[in-house]
Amino acid sequence: MRNYLRNNCKGGTYFFTMNLLDRKSQLLTTHANQFRQAYRITKQNHNFQLHALILLPDHIHILITLAEESDNYAVIISSLKTHFSRQIAKSDDETINQSRIKKRERGIWQRRFWEHRIRDELDYQRHMDYIHYNAVKHGYVERPIDWPYSTFEKCVDEGFYSSDWGGAGIDGFDLDYD
């Protein structure tokens, strides 16, 4: 087994994907308020800037910039997962294998997450677009503005997007991350 080396960069901007263990689950949107609380707690304890986020039923995409002195994004991801999991009651269909029991883990999240360090402005724009178009891509809504679990509306308010952006589809991009 190869050791995976993460691309850590102090003050870097990163795109992340976090998946639920059960990819058919709707746990994240069902418990969106608990995720919002997990985000608030994480933000209070860790210094980073949020650029974009989308909460889908079974996975999350997030784009953040770390504090100048920090390269430890794994602790931010861990905090989001942990604080969310602690708020969710255990269910009968939550499978917890022996390995997870030994590590005192729940059966909610996939252990790993995907990270990508943003290289330049074009890369940043592509990932912003990817995040905000993701609910349309998965067929949950026809327009990004209609998905209530993302930062799209905030980005519209800030002038980053027009409210009708993505409504007619987007050609030529797919990051193939989910």
N, C-alpha and C. Protein backbone atom coordinates (compact mmCIF):
# COMPACT_ATOMS: atom_id res chain seq x y z
N MET A 1 0.85 -1.18 0.00
CA MET A 1 0.00 0.00 0.00
C MET A 1 0.88 1.24 0.00
N ARG A 2 0.59 2.17 -0.90
CA ARG A 2 1.37 3.40 -0.98
C ARG A 2 0.86 4.40 0.04
N ASN A 3 1.78 5.19 0.56
CA ASN A 3 1.38 6.30 1.42
C ASN A 3 0.96 7.46 0.54
N TYR A 4 -0.16 8.04 0.86
CA TYR A 4 -0.68 9.17 0.08
C TYR A 4 -0.13 10.46 0.69
N LEU A 5 0.50 11.28 -0.12
CA LEU A 5 1.03 12.56 0.34
C LEU A 5 0.06 13.67 0.00
N ARG A 6 -0.35 14.39 0.99
CA ARG A 6 -1.25 15.52 0.79
C ARG A 6 -0.44 16.74 0.35
N ASN A 7 -1.08 17.63 -0.38
CA ASN A 7 -0.44 18.82 -0.90
C ASN A 7 -0.70 19.99 0.06
N ASN A 8 0.10 20.08 1.10
CA ASN A 8 -0.10 21.13 2.11
C ASN A 8 0.67 22.39 1.74
N CYS A 9 0.00 23.52 1.85
CA CYS A 9 0.60 24.81 1.51
C CYS A 9 0.04 25.86 2.48
N LYS A 10 0.91 26.49 3.26
CA LYS A 10 0.44 27.51 4.20
C LYS A 10 -0.30 28.61 3.45
N GLY A 11 -1.49 28.94 3.96
CA GLY A 11 -2.30 29.99 3.34
C GLY A 11 -2.90 29.60 2.00
N GLY A 12 -2.84 28.32 1.65
CA GLY A 12 -3.33 27.87 0.35
C GLY A 12 -4.85 27.88 0.25
N THR A 13 -5.33 27.91 -0.98
CA THR A 13 -6.75 27.80 -1.26
C THR A 13 -7.00 26.38 -1.78
N TYR A 14 -8.02 25.73 -1.20
CA TYR A 14 -8.28 24.32 -1.48
C TYR A 14 -9.75 24.06 -1.78
N PHE A 15 -9.95 23.09 -2.66
CA PHE A 15 -11.25 22.51 -2.94
C PHE A 15 -11.27 21.13 -2.28
N PHE A 16 -12.35 20.82 -1.57
CA PHE A 16 -12.49 19.53 -0.90
C PHE A 16 -13.83 18.89 -1.26
N THR A 17 -13.82 17.57 -1.27
CA THR A 17 -15.05 16.79 -1.35
C THR A 17 -15.04 15.81 -0.19
N MET A 18 -16.14 15.78 0.56
CA MET A 18 -16.33 14.83 1.66
C MET A 18 -17.58 14.03 1.34
N ASN A 19 -17.46 12.71 1.37
CA ASN A 19 -18.58 11.83 1.04
C ASN A 19 -19.07 11.07 2.26
N LEU A 20 -20.38 10.86 2.30
CA LEU A 20 -20.93 9.96 3.30
C LEU A 20 -20.54 8.53 2.94
N LEU A 21 -20.47 7.69 3.93
CA LEU A 21 -20.17 6.28 3.70
C LEU A 21 -21.25 5.64 2.83
N ASP A 22 -22.50 5.94 3.13
CA ASP A 22 -23.63 5.46 2.35
C ASP A 22 -23.97 6.51 1.30
N ARG A 23 -23.54 6.27 0.06
CA ARG A 23 -23.74 7.27 -0.99
C ARG A 23 -25.20 7.37 -1.44
N LYS A 24 -26.09 6.53 -0.91
CA LYS A 24 -27.52 6.64 -1.21
C LYS A 24 -28.25 7.42 -0.12
N SER A 25 -27.54 7.80 0.91
CA SER A 25 -28.13 8.49 2.05
C SER A 25 -28.51 9.93 1.69
N GLN A 26 -29.45 10.47 2.43
CA GLN A 26 -29.82 11.88 2.31
C GLN A 26 -29.56 12.59 3.64
N LEU A 27 -28.65 12.05 4.41
CA LEU A 27 -28.38 12.52 5.76
C LEU A 27 -27.98 14.00 5.81
N LEU A 28 -27.18 14.45 4.85
CA LEU A 28 -26.69 15.82 4.91
C LEU A 28 -27.78 16.86 4.70
N THR A 29 -28.65 16.65 3.73
CA THR A 29 -29.72 17.63 3.53
C THR A 29 -30.83 17.46 4.56
N THR A 30 -31.04 16.23 5.03
CA THR A 30 -32.03 16.01 6.09
C THR A 30 -31.62 16.73 7.36
N HIS A 31 -30.32 16.77 7.61
CA HIS A 31 -29.78 17.39 8.82
C HIS A 31 -28.93 18.63 8.48
N ALA A 32 -29.41 19.44 7.56
CA ALA A 32 -28.67 20.63 7.13
C ALA A 32 -28.40 21.58 8.29
N ASN A 33 -29.35 21.73 9.20
CA ASN A 33 -29.13 22.63 10.34
C ASN A 33 -28.01 22.12 11.25
N GLN A 34 -27.88 20.81 11.38
CA GLN A 34 -26.79 20.25 12.17
C GLN A 34 -25.45 20.49 11.47
N PHE A 35 -25.45 20.43 10.14
CA PHE A 35 -24.21 20.75 9.43
C PHE A 35 -23.87 22.23 9.61
N ARG A 36 -24.86 23.09 9.53
CA ARG A 36 -24.60 24.53 9.74
C ARG A 36 -23.99 24.77 11.12
N GLN A 37 -24.50 24.07 12.12
CA GLN A 37 -23.94 24.20 13.48
C GLN A 37 -22.52 23.65 13.52
N ALA A 38 -22.26 22.54 12.88
CA ALA A 38 -20.91 21.98 12.82
C ALA A 38 -19.96 22.96 12.13
N TYR A 39 -20.44 23.62 11.10
CA TYR A 39 -19.63 24.63 10.41
C TYR A 39 -19.33 25.80 11.35
N ARG A 40 -20.34 26.28 12.07
CA ARG A 40 -20.13 27.41 13.00
C ARG A 40 -19.08 27.07 14.05
N ILE A 41 -19.18 25.88 14.62
CA ILE A 41 -18.21 25.46 15.64
C ILE A 41 -16.81 25.37 15.03
N THR A 42 -16.72 24.79 13.86
CA THR A 42 -15.42 24.66 13.19
C THR A 42 -14.83 26.03 12.90
N LYS A 43 -15.65 26.95 12.42
CA LYS A 43 -15.19 28.30 12.09
C LYS A 43 -14.73 29.05 13.34
N GLN A 44 -15.38 28.82 14.47
CA GLN A 44 -14.96 29.46 15.72
C GLN A 44 -13.59 28.96 16.17
N ASN A 45 -13.28 27.71 15.86
CA ASN A 45 -12.05 27.09 16.35
C ASN A 45 -10.89 27.08 15.35
N HIS A 46 -11.17 27.40 14.10
CA HIS A 46 -10.13 27.33 13.07
C HIS A 46 -10.24 28.54 12.15
N ASN A 47 -9.10 29.09 11.80
CA ASN A 47 -9.05 30.30 10.99
C ASN A 47 -8.94 29.93 9.51
N PHE A 48 -10.00 30.17 8.76
CA PHE A 48 -10.01 29.97 7.32
C PHE A 48 -11.10 30.85 6.73
N GLN A 49 -11.01 31.07 5.42
CA GLN A 49 -12.02 31.86 4.70
C GLN A 49 -12.80 30.94 3.78
N LEU A 50 -14.12 30.98 3.90
CA LEU A 50 -15.00 30.20 3.03
C LEU A 50 -15.28 30.98 1.76
N HIS A 51 -15.09 30.34 0.62
CA HIS A 51 -15.44 30.94 -0.67
C HIS A 51 -16.72 30.34 -1.23
N ALA A 52 -16.85 29.03 -1.11
CA ALA A 52 -18.03 28.35 -1.68
C ALA A 52 -18.25 27.03 -0.96
N LEU A 53 -19.53 26.65 -0.90
CA LEU A 53 -19.90 25.39 -0.28
C LEU A 53 -21.22 24.93 -0.87
N ILE A 54 -21.33 23.64 -1.10
CA ILE A 54 -22.61 23.05 -1.45
C ILE A 54 -22.78 21.78 -0.65
N LEU A 55 -23.95 21.67 -0.09
CA LEU A 55 -24.34 20.51 0.70
C LEU A 55 -25.34 19.72 -0.15
N LEU A 56 -24.96 18.52 -0.54
CA LEU A 56 -25.83 17.63 -1.29
C LEU A 56 -26.25 16.50 -0.36
N PRO A 57 -27.21 15.69 -0.73
CA PRO A 57 -27.68 14.66 0.20
C PRO A 57 -26.59 13.74 0.73
N ASP A 58 -25.61 13.41 -0.11
CA ASP A 58 -24.61 12.41 0.29
C ASP A 58 -23.16 12.90 0.24
N HIS A 59 -22.93 14.15 -0.16
CA HIS A 59 -21.57 14.67 -0.18
C HIS A 59 -21.57 16.19 -0.13
N ILE A 60 -20.38 16.72 0.16
CA ILE A 60 -20.17 18.16 0.30
C ILE A 60 -18.98 18.55 -0.55
N HIS A 61 -19.09 19.70 -1.20
CA HIS A 61 -17.94 20.34 -1.84
C HIS A 61 -17.74 21.68 -1.13
N ILE A 62 -16.49 22.00 -0.87
CA ILE A 62 -16.19 23.24 -0.17
C ILE A 62 -14.89 23.82 -0.72
N LEU A 63 -14.83 25.14 -0.82
CA LEU A 63 -13.64 25.84 -1.29
C LEU A 63 -13.26 26.85 -0.22
N ILE A 64 -12.06 26.70 0.34
CA ILE A 64 -11.61 27.58 1.43
C ILE A 64 -10.18 28.03 1.20
N THR A 65 -9.82 29.12 1.87
CA THR A 65 -8.43 29.55 1.96
C THR A 65 -8.01 29.46 3.42
N LEU A 66 -6.88 28.81 3.65
CA LEU A 66 -6.35 28.67 5.00
C LEU A 66 -5.72 29.98 5.46
N ALA A 67 -5.58 30.12 6.76
CA ALA A 67 -4.86 31.26 7.32
C ALA A 67 -3.41 31.20 6.84
N GLU A 68 -2.77 32.36 6.74
CA GLU A 68 -1.39 32.43 6.23
C GLU A 68 -0.43 31.51 6.95
N GLU A 69 -0.63 31.33 8.23
CA GLU A 69 0.29 30.52 9.03
C GLU A 69 -0.09 29.04 9.08
N SER A 70 -1.17 28.67 8.40
CA SER A 70 -1.69 27.30 8.52
C SER A 70 -1.59 26.52 7.21
N ASP A 71 -1.22 25.25 7.34
CA ASP A 71 -1.30 24.34 6.21
C ASP A 71 -2.06 23.07 6.60
N ASN A 72 -2.70 23.09 7.77
CA ASN A 72 -3.35 21.89 8.30
C ASN A 72 -4.85 21.90 8.01
N TYR A 73 -5.19 21.67 6.77
CA TYR A 73 -6.61 21.63 6.41
C TYR A 73 -7.30 20.37 6.91
N ALA A 74 -6.54 19.31 7.14
CA ALA A 74 -7.14 18.05 7.60
C ALA A 74 -7.87 18.24 8.92
N VAL A 75 -7.36 19.12 9.78
CA VAL A 75 -8.03 19.36 11.06
C VAL A 75 -9.38 20.06 10.86
N ILE A 76 -9.50 20.89 9.83
CA ILE A 76 -10.76 21.56 9.53
C ILE A 76 -11.78 20.54 9.03
N ILE A 77 -11.36 19.67 8.13
CA ILE A 77 -12.24 18.63 7.60
C ILE A 77 -12.69 17.71 8.73
N SER A 78 -11.75 17.31 9.57
CA SER A 78 -12.05 16.44 10.71
C SER A 78 -13.05 17.10 11.65
N SER A 79 -12.87 18.38 11.90
CA SER A 79 -13.78 19.11 12.78
C SER A 79 -15.20 19.15 12.21
N LEU A 80 -15.33 19.44 10.92
CA LEU A 80 -16.66 19.46 10.30
C LEU A 80 -17.35 18.11 10.44
N LYS A 81 -16.61 17.04 10.12
CA LYS A 81 -17.18 15.70 10.19
C LYS A 81 -17.55 15.32 11.63
N THR A 82 -16.64 15.58 12.54
CA THR A 82 -16.86 15.21 13.95
C THR A 82 -18.04 15.95 14.54
N HIS A 83 -18.08 17.27 14.36
CA HIS A 83 -19.16 18.05 14.98
C HIS A 83 -20.52 17.74 14.35
N PHE A 84 -20.53 17.42 13.07
CA PHE A 84 -21.78 16.98 12.45
C PHE A 84 -22.22 15.64 13.03
N SER A 85 -21.29 14.69 13.08
CA SER A 85 -21.62 13.33 13.54
C SER A 85 -22.12 13.31 14.97
N ARG A 86 -21.56 14.15 15.80
CA ARG A 86 -21.97 14.18 17.21
C ARG A 86 -23.40 14.65 17.40
N GLN A 87 -23.94 15.35 16.43
CA GLN A 87 -25.30 15.87 16.54
C GLN A 87 -26.35 14.92 15.98
N ILE A 88 -25.92 13.88 15.30
CA ILE A 88 -26.84 12.96 14.63
C ILE A 88 -27.02 11.72 15.50
N ALA A 89 -28.27 11.40 15.77
CA ALA A 89 -28.57 10.19 16.56
C ALA A 89 -28.18 8.95 15.75
N LYS A 90 -27.70 7.94 16.44
CA LYS A 90 -27.37 6.68 15.76
C LYS A 90 -28.67 6.05 15.25
N SER A 91 -28.58 5.48 14.06
CA SER A 91 -29.76 4.82 13.48
C SER A 91 -29.48 3.34 13.32
N ASP A 92 -30.53 2.58 13.13
CA ASP A 92 -30.40 1.13 12.96
C ASP A 92 -29.65 0.75 11.69
N ASP A 93 -29.72 1.62 10.66
CA ASP A 93 -29.05 1.29 9.41
C ASP A 93 -27.62 1.81 9.33
N GLU A 94 -27.11 2.39 10.41
CA GLU A 94 -25.72 2.85 10.44
C GLU A 94 -24.81 1.65 10.73
N THR A 95 -24.01 1.31 9.73
CA THR A 95 -23.12 0.16 9.85
C THR A 95 -21.78 0.61 10.44
N ILE A 96 -21.43 0.01 11.56
CA ILE A 96 -20.15 0.33 12.18
C ILE A 96 -19.35 -0.97 12.28
N ASN A 97 -18.33 -1.11 11.45
CA ASN A 97 -17.53 -2.34 11.45
C ASN A 97 -16.53 -2.33 12.61
N GLN A 98 -15.82 -3.43 12.78
CA GLN A 98 -14.89 -3.57 13.91
C GLN A 98 -13.78 -2.53 13.87
N SER A 99 -13.29 -2.23 12.69
CA SER A 99 -12.23 -1.22 12.56
C SER A 99 -12.71 0.14 13.07
N ARG A 100 -13.95 0.50 12.72
CA ARG A 100 -14.49 1.79 13.18
C ARG A 100 -14.76 1.76 14.69
N ILE A 101 -15.19 0.63 15.20
CA ILE A 101 -15.41 0.50 16.65
C ILE A 101 -14.10 0.72 17.40
N LYS A 102 -13.01 0.09 16.92
CA LYS A 102 -11.70 0.25 17.55
C LYS A 102 -11.25 1.71 17.57
N LYS A 103 -11.56 2.42 16.50
CA LYS A 103 -11.14 3.82 16.38
C LYS A 103 -12.19 4.80 16.91
N ARG A 104 -13.24 4.25 17.51
CA ARG A 104 -14.34 5.06 18.07
C ARG A 104 -14.95 5.98 17.01
N GLU A 105 -15.17 5.41 15.82
CA GLU A 105 -15.75 6.16 14.71
C GLU A 105 -17.19 5.73 14.47
N ARG A 106 -17.97 6.64 13.99
CA ARG A 106 -19.33 6.34 13.55
C ARG A 106 -19.28 5.81 12.12
N GLY A 107 -20.39 5.32 11.65
CA GLY A 107 -20.49 4.84 10.28
C GLY A 107 -21.16 5.86 9.37
N ILE A 108 -20.78 7.11 9.50
CA ILE A 108 -21.41 8.18 8.72
C ILE A 108 -20.57 8.59 7.52
N TRP A 109 -19.30 8.88 7.74
CA TRP A 109 -18.44 9.46 6.71
C TRP A 109 -17.48 8.42 6.12
N GLN A 110 -17.14 8.61 4.86
CA GLN A 110 -15.97 7.91 4.33
C GLN A 110 -14.76 8.49 5.04
N ARG A 111 -13.79 7.67 5.35
CA ARG A 111 -12.63 8.15 6.10
C ARG A 111 -11.83 9.17 5.32
N ARG A 112 -11.64 8.94 4.09
CA ARG A 112 -10.82 9.85 3.29
C ARG A 112 -11.67 10.99 2.74
N PHE A 113 -10.98 11.98 2.24
CA PHE A 113 -11.62 13.09 1.54
C PHE A 113 -10.73 13.45 0.37
N TRP A 114 -11.31 14.15 -0.59
CA TRP A 114 -10.56 14.57 -1.76
C TRP A 114 -10.16 16.02 -1.57
N GLU A 115 -8.88 16.33 -1.85
CA GLU A 115 -8.45 17.72 -1.81
C GLU A 115 -7.74 18.08 -3.09
N HIS A 116 -7.85 19.33 -3.46
CA HIS A 116 -7.17 19.87 -4.63
C HIS A 116 -6.74 21.28 -4.29
N ARG A 117 -5.45 21.57 -4.40
CA ARG A 117 -4.97 22.93 -4.15
C ARG A 117 -5.19 23.76 -5.41
N ILE A 118 -5.82 24.90 -5.23
CA ILE A 118 -6.12 25.80 -6.34
C ILE A 118 -4.82 26.42 -6.84
N ARG A 119 -4.62 26.37 -8.16
CA ARG A 119 -3.36 26.79 -8.76
C ARG A 119 -3.35 28.24 -9.23
N ASP A 120 -4.50 28.72 -9.73
CA ASP A 120 -4.54 30.06 -10.30
C ASP A 120 -5.99 30.54 -10.37
N GLU A 121 -6.20 31.72 -10.93
CA GLU A 121 -7.55 32.30 -11.00
C GLU A 121 -8.51 31.45 -11.83
N LEU A 122 -8.04 30.90 -12.93
CA LEU A 122 -8.91 30.06 -13.77
C LEU A 122 -9.32 28.80 -13.00
N ASP A 123 -8.38 28.19 -12.30
CA ASP A 123 -8.68 27.01 -11.49
C ASP A 123 -9.70 27.37 -10.40
N TYR A 124 -9.52 28.52 -9.78
CA TYR A 124 -10.45 29.00 -8.75
C TYR A 124 -11.86 29.16 -9.35
N GLN A 125 -11.97 29.82 -10.48
CA GLN A 125 -13.27 30.05 -11.13
C GLN A 125 -13.93 28.72 -11.50
N ARG A 126 -13.17 27.79 -12.05
CA ARG A 126 -13.72 26.49 -12.44
C ARG A 126 -14.28 25.75 -11.23
N HIS A 127 -13.59 25.82 -10.10
CA HIS A 127 -14.05 25.12 -8.91
C HIS A 127 -15.25 25.84 -8.27
N MET A 128 -15.27 27.15 -8.31
CA MET A 128 -16.45 27.89 -7.84
C MET A 128 -17.66 27.48 -8.67
N ASP A 129 -17.49 27.47 -9.99
CA ASP A 129 -18.59 27.09 -10.89
C ASP A 129 -19.01 25.65 -10.64
N TYR A 130 -18.05 24.76 -10.50
CA TYR A 130 -18.34 23.35 -10.27
C TYR A 130 -19.18 23.17 -9.00
N ILE A 131 -18.78 23.84 -7.95
CA ILE A 131 -19.52 23.74 -6.68
C ILE A 131 -20.95 24.22 -6.87
N HIS A 132 -21.10 25.39 -7.44
CA HIS A 132 -22.44 25.98 -7.51
C HIS A 132 -23.34 25.34 -8.55
N TYR A 133 -22.76 24.64 -9.50
CA TYR A 133 -23.57 23.95 -10.52
C TYR A 133 -23.88 22.51 -10.13
N ASN A 134 -23.30 22.02 -9.06
CA ASN A 134 -23.37 20.61 -8.72
C ASN A 134 -24.79 20.08 -8.48
N ALA A 135 -25.66 20.86 -7.87
CA ALA A 135 -27.03 20.40 -7.64
C ALA A 135 -27.78 20.25 -8.97
N VAL A 136 -27.46 21.08 -9.94
CA VAL A 136 -28.04 20.95 -11.28
C VAL A 136 -27.48 19.70 -11.95
N LYS A 137 -26.17 19.53 -11.86
CA LYS A 137 -25.49 18.36 -12.45
C LYS A 137 -26.12 17.05 -11.96
N HIS A 138 -26.46 17.00 -10.68
CA HIS A 138 -27.03 15.78 -10.11
C HIS A 138 -28.55 15.68 -10.27
N GLY A 139 -29.16 16.69 -10.89
CA GLY A 139 -30.58 16.63 -11.20
C GLY A 139 -31.50 17.03 -10.05
N TYR A 140 -30.98 17.69 -9.03
CA TYR A 140 -31.83 18.10 -7.90
C TYR A 140 -32.64 19.35 -8.21
N VAL A 141 -32.10 20.24 -9.02
CA VAL A 141 -32.77 21.47 -9.43
C VAL A 141 -32.40 21.79 -10.87
N GLU A 142 -33.11 22.74 -11.46
CA GLU A 142 -32.80 23.15 -12.83
C GLU A 142 -31.86 24.34 -12.88
N ARG A 143 -31.81 25.11 -11.78
CA ARG A 143 -30.96 26.30 -11.72
C ARG A 143 -30.24 26.34 -10.37
N PRO A 144 -29.00 26.75 -10.34
CA PRO A 144 -28.27 26.82 -9.06
C PRO A 144 -28.98 27.66 -8.00
N ILE A 145 -29.65 28.71 -8.40
CA ILE A 145 -30.33 29.60 -7.44
C ILE A 145 -31.43 28.87 -6.67
N ASP A 146 -31.93 27.76 -7.22
CA ASP A 146 -33.03 27.03 -6.60
C ASP A 146 -32.58 26.05 -5.51
N TRP A 147 -31.28 25.81 -5.37
CA TRP A 147 -30.78 24.86 -4.38
C TRP A 147 -30.52 25.61 -3.07
N PRO A 148 -31.21 25.24 -1.99
CA PRO A 148 -31.11 26.02 -0.75
C PRO A 148 -29.86 25.73 0.09
N TYR A 149 -29.07 24.74 -0.28
CA TYR A 149 -27.95 24.31 0.56
C TYR A 149 -26.61 24.65 -0.07
N SER A 150 -26.45 25.89 -0.49
CA SER A 150 -25.17 26.29 -1.07
C SER A 150 -24.94 27.78 -0.81
N THR A 151 -23.74 28.21 -1.17
CA THR A 151 -23.38 29.62 -1.02
C THR A 151 -23.70 30.41 -2.29
N PHE A 152 -24.41 29.80 -3.22
CA PHE A 152 -24.67 30.47 -4.50
C PHE A 152 -25.37 31.82 -4.30
N GLU A 153 -26.41 31.84 -3.50
CA GLU A 153 -27.15 33.10 -3.31
C GLU A 153 -26.25 34.19 -2.70
N LYS A 154 -25.39 33.81 -1.78
CA LYS A 154 -24.43 34.75 -1.20
C LYS A 154 -23.50 35.29 -2.29
N CYS A 155 -23.05 34.41 -3.17
CA CYS A 155 -22.18 34.83 -4.27
C CYS A 155 -22.91 35.74 -5.26
N VAL A 156 -24.19 35.52 -5.45
CA VAL A 156 -25.00 36.42 -6.28
C VAL A 156 -25.06 37.79 -5.60
N ASP A 157 -25.35 37.80 -4.30
CA ASP A 157 -25.43 39.06 -3.55
C ASP A 157 -24.11 39.84 -3.62
N GLU A 158 -23.00 39.13 -3.67
CA GLU A 158 -21.67 39.76 -3.73
C GLU A 158 -21.25 40.12 -5.15
N GLY A 159 -22.10 39.81 -6.15
CA GLY A 159 -21.81 40.15 -7.53
C GLY A 159 -20.91 39.17 -8.27
N PHE A 160 -20.63 38.03 -7.67
CA PHE A 160 -19.79 37.03 -8.31
C PHE A 160 -20.53 36.33 -9.45
N TYR A 161 -21.83 36.12 -9.28
CA TYR A 161 -22.70 35.50 -10.29
C TYR A 161 -23.95 36.35 -10.46
N SER A 162 -24.60 36.18 -11.63
CA SER A 162 -25.95 36.71 -11.79
C SER A 162 -26.91 35.64 -11.30
N SER A 163 -28.10 36.03 -10.90
CA SER A 163 -29.05 35.06 -10.34
C SER A 163 -29.49 34.00 -11.35
N ASP A 164 -29.37 34.29 -12.65
CA ASP A 164 -29.78 33.31 -13.65
C ASP A 164 -28.61 32.47 -14.18
N TRP A 165 -27.42 32.62 -13.58
CA TRP A 165 -26.25 31.86 -14.01
C TRP A 165 -26.52 30.36 -13.91
N GLY A 166 -26.13 29.63 -14.93
CA GLY A 166 -26.25 28.17 -14.91
C GLY A 166 -27.63 27.64 -15.21
N GLY A 167 -28.60 28.52 -15.42
CA GLY A 167 -29.96 28.06 -15.66
C GLY A 167 -30.16 27.38 -16.99
N ALA A 168 -29.35 27.71 -17.97
CA ALA A 168 -29.46 27.10 -19.29
C ALA A 168 -28.40 26.01 -19.48
N GLY A 169 -27.74 25.66 -18.42
CA GLY A 169 -26.68 24.66 -18.50
C GLY A 169 -25.33 25.30 -18.71
N ILE A 170 -24.31 24.50 -18.52
CA ILE A 170 -22.95 24.98 -18.70
C ILE A 170 -22.23 23.97 -19.58
N ASP A 171 -21.59 24.44 -20.62
CA ASP A 171 -20.87 23.55 -21.52
C ASP A 171 -19.39 23.55 -21.20
N GLY A 172 -18.77 22.39 -21.38
CA GLY A 172 -17.34 22.32 -21.41
C GLY A 172 -16.60 22.20 -20.09
N PHE A 173 -17.28 21.93 -19.00
CA PHE A 173 -16.50 21.69 -17.79
C PHE A 173 -17.09 20.59 -16.96
N ASP A 174 -16.22 19.78 -16.45
CA ASP A 174 -16.59 18.75 -15.49
C ASP A 174 -15.29 18.31 -14.83
N LEU A 175 -15.23 18.44 -13.54
CA LEU A 175 -14.00 18.11 -12.83
C LEU A 175 -13.91 16.64 -12.48
N ASP A 176 -15.00 15.90 -12.67
CA ASP A 176 -15.03 14.46 -12.37
C ASP A 176 -14.57 14.13 -10.95
N TYR A 177 -15.02 14.89 -9.97
CA TYR A 177 -14.64 14.65 -8.59
C TYR A 177 -15.64 13.81 -7.82
N ASP A 178 -16.91 13.68 -8.27
CA ASP A 178 -17.81 12.85 -7.48
C ASP A 178 -18.15 11.57 -8.16
